[in-house]
Amino acid sequence: MLEKTVKAAVKKRLKEIGAYQHWPVMMGLGEVCLDCHGCYKGKYFSVETKAPGKKLTTQQQITAARIKAAGGLVFIVDSTEAANELFKGDNFKSD
């Protein structure tokens, strides 16, 4: 499975639940970020999509830690199944 397949599944799921989503295109300007940033039911979240078995880079780990430290949720999604589980139930759990 390719990362773009996972990314498409995440976009579809976020649209289904009515979450605000923003997918910035990094061009070497501004603050480093993960793939997607958004808000759902008053909670800020960020999603990093990966092909199955791939891990976060060191910079992505640092960025994820900063988001968590500020009270945001971080999701690492590496399958369409994981994408479909985003925000299921009332207990939002992130990585």
C-alpha atoms as a PDB file:
ATOM      1  CA  MET A   1       0.000   0.000   0.000  1.00  0.00           C
ATOM      2  CA  LEU A   2       1.298   3.444  -0.899  1.00  0.00           C
ATOM      3  CA  GLU A   3       1.307   6.489   1.380  1.00  0.00           C
ATOM      4  CA  LYS A   4      -0.964   8.330  -1.062  1.00  0.00           C
ATOM      5  CA  THR A   5      -3.588   5.595  -0.566  1.00  0.00           C
ATOM      6  CA  VAL A   6      -3.435   6.111   3.207  1.00  0.00           C
ATOM      7  CA  LYS A   7      -3.603   9.888   2.732  1.00  0.00           C
ATOM      8  CA  ALA A   8      -6.728   9.579   0.555  1.00  0.00           C
ATOM      9  CA  ALA A   9      -8.390   7.393   3.222  1.00  0.00           C
ATOM     10  CA  VAL A  10      -7.595   9.954   5.947  1.00  0.00           C
ATOM     11  CA  LYS A  11      -9.022  12.793   3.831  1.00  0.00           C
ATOM     12  CA  LYS A  12     -12.179  10.769   3.200  1.00  0.00           C
ATOM     13  CA  ARG A  13     -12.637   9.924   6.901  1.00  0.00           C
ATOM     14  CA  LEU A  14     -12.117  13.516   8.048  1.00  0.00           C
ATOM     15  CA  LYS A  15     -14.632  14.729   5.467  1.00  0.00           C
ATOM     16  CA  GLU A  16     -17.154  12.084   6.633  1.00  0.00           C
ATOM     17  CA  ILE A  17     -17.039  13.313  10.224  1.00  0.00           C
ATOM     18  CA  GLY A  18     -17.044  17.004   9.303  1.00  0.00           C
ATOM     19  CA  ALA A  19     -13.583  17.818  10.650  1.00  0.00           C
ATOM     20  CA  TYR A  20     -11.778  20.935   9.458  1.00  0.00           C
ATOM     21  CA  GLN A  21      -8.641  19.776   7.657  1.00  0.00           C
ATOM     22  CA  HIS A  22      -5.673  21.557   6.123  1.00  0.00           C
ATOM     23  CA  TRP A  23      -2.939  19.790   4.163  1.00  0.00           C
ATOM     24  CA  PRO A  24      -0.022  22.246   3.807  1.00  0.00           C
ATOM     25  CA  VAL A  25       2.542  21.839   1.062  1.00  0.00           C
ATOM     26  CA  MET A  26       5.997  22.388   2.527  1.00  0.00           C
ATOM     27  CA  MET A  27       8.327  24.383   0.306  1.00  0.00           C
ATOM     28  CA  GLY A  28      11.088  25.181   2.777  1.00  0.00           C
ATOM     29  CA  LEU A  29       9.250  28.162   4.221  1.00  0.00           C
ATOM     30  CA  GLY A  30       7.746  28.587   7.653  1.00  0.00           C
ATOM     31  CA  GLU A  31       7.456  26.165  10.542  1.00  0.00           C
ATOM     32  CA  VAL A  32       7.924  22.435   9.965  1.00  0.00           C
ATOM     33  CA  CYS A  33       4.617  20.577  10.192  1.00  0.00           C
ATOM     34  CA  LEU A  34       3.042  17.166   9.785  1.00  0.00           C
ATOM     35  CA  ASP A  35       0.873  16.173   6.791  1.00  0.00           C
ATOM     36  CA  CYS A  36      -2.499  17.400   8.030  1.00  0.00           C
ATOM     37  CA  HIS A  37      -3.683  19.836  10.672  1.00  0.00           C
ATOM     38  CA  GLY A  38      -7.257  20.280  11.715  1.00  0.00           C
ATOM     39  CA  CYS A  39      -9.916  20.682  14.326  1.00  0.00           C
ATOM     40  CA  TYR A  40     -12.729  18.370  15.362  1.00  0.00           C
ATOM     41  CA  LYS A  41     -15.210  18.978  18.156  1.00  0.00           C
ATOM     42  CA  GLY A  42     -13.014  21.744  19.539  1.00  0.00           C
ATOM     43  CA  LYS A  43      -9.832  19.665  19.602  1.00  0.00           C
ATOM     44  CA  TYR A  44      -6.747  20.514  17.532  1.00  0.00           C
ATOM     45  CA  PHE A  45      -5.164  17.529  15.810  1.00  0.00           C
ATOM     46  CA  SER A  46      -2.399  16.654  13.409  1.00  0.00           C
ATOM     47  CA  VAL A  47      -2.048  13.574  11.220  1.00  0.00           C
ATOM     48  CA  GLU A  48       1.092  12.120   9.680  1.00  0.00           C
ATOM     49  CA  THR A  49       0.439   9.503   7.019  1.00  0.00           C
ATOM     50  CA  LYS A  50       2.934   6.742   6.335  1.00  0.00           C
ATOM     51  CA  ALA A  51       3.188   3.705   4.113  1.00  0.00           C
ATOM     52  CA  PRO A  52       2.794   0.540   6.210  1.00  0.00           C
ATOM     53  CA  GLY A  53       5.882  -0.124   8.333  1.00  0.00           C
ATOM     54  CA  LYS A  54       7.420   3.318   7.837  1.00  0.00           C
ATOM     55  CA  LYS A  55       8.372   5.417  10.874  1.00  0.00           C
ATOM     56  CA  LEU A  56       8.485   9.123  11.670  1.00  0.00           C
ATOM     57  CA  THR A  57      11.650  11.008  10.835  1.00  0.00           C
ATOM     58  CA  THR A  58      13.518  12.690  13.670  1.00  0.00           C
ATOM     59  CA  GLN A  59      12.075  16.083  12.664  1.00  0.00           C
ATOM     60  CA  GLN A  60       8.560  14.631  12.561  1.00  0.00           C
ATOM     61  CA  GLN A  61       9.070  13.147  16.042  1.00  0.00           C
ATOM     62  CA  ILE A  62      10.116  16.566  17.357  1.00  0.00           C
ATOM     63  CA  THR A  63       7.133  18.258  15.701  1.00  0.00           C
ATOM     64  CA  ALA A  64       4.715  15.622  17.071  1.00  0.00           C
ATOM     65  CA  ALA A  65       6.136  16.083  20.572  1.00  0.00           C
ATOM     66  CA  ARG A  66       5.674  19.861  20.358  1.00  0.00           C
ATOM     67  CA  ILE A  67       2.044  19.460  19.276  1.00  0.00           C
ATOM     68  CA  LYS A  68       1.353  17.028  22.133  1.00  0.00           C
ATOM     69  CA  ALA A  69       3.074  19.324  24.643  1.00  0.00           C
ATOM     70  CA  ALA A  70       0.727  22.117  23.556  1.00  0.00           C
ATOM     71  CA  GLY A  71      -2.310  19.889  24.160  1.00  0.00           C
ATOM     72  CA  GLY A  72      -3.004  18.754  20.591  1.00  0.00           C
ATOM     73  CA  LEU A  73      -3.633  15.243  19.348  1.00  0.00           C
ATOM     74  CA  VAL A  74      -1.217  13.508  16.982  1.00  0.00           C
ATOM     75  CA  PHE A  75      -2.210  10.548  14.837  1.00  0.00           C
ATOM     76  CA  ILE A  76       0.256   8.417  12.886  1.00  0.00           C
ATOM     77  CA  VAL A  77      -1.783   6.580  10.256  1.00  0.00           C
ATOM     78  CA  ASP A  78      -0.239   3.807   8.162  1.00  0.00           C
ATOM     79  CA  SER A  79      -3.263   1.955   6.772  1.00  0.00           C
ATOM     80  CA  THR A  80      -6.732   2.576   5.422  1.00  0.00           C
ATOM     81  CA  GLU A  81      -8.101   0.641   8.413  1.00  0.00           C
ATOM     82  CA  ALA A  82      -6.365   3.043  10.824  1.00  0.00           C
ATOM     83  CA  ALA A  83      -7.718   5.989   8.820  1.00  0.00           C
ATOM     84  CA  ASN A  84     -11.260   4.661   9.212  1.00  0.00           C
ATOM     85  CA  GLU A  85     -10.799   4.487  13.004  1.00  0.00           C
ATOM     86  CA  LEU A  86      -9.944   8.184  13.398  1.00  0.00           C
ATOM     87  CA  PHE A  87     -12.200   9.812  15.998  1.00  0.00           C
ATOM     88  CA  LYS A  88     -14.396   6.760  16.522  1.00  0.00           C
ATOM     89  CA  GLY A  89     -16.308   7.024  19.776  1.00  0.00           C
ATOM     90  CA  ASP A  90     -16.111   9.855  22.278  1.00  0.00           C
ATOM     91  CA  ASN A  91     -12.646   9.008  23.576  1.00  0.00           C
ATOM     92  CA  PHE A  92     -10.190  10.543  21.118  1.00  0.00           C
ATOM     93  CA  LYS A  93      -6.894   8.690  21.422  1.00  0.00           C
ATOM     94  CA  SER A  94      -3.734   9.669  19.611  1.00  0.00           C
ATOM     95  CA  ASP A  95      -0.261   8.161  19.366  1.00  0.00           C
END
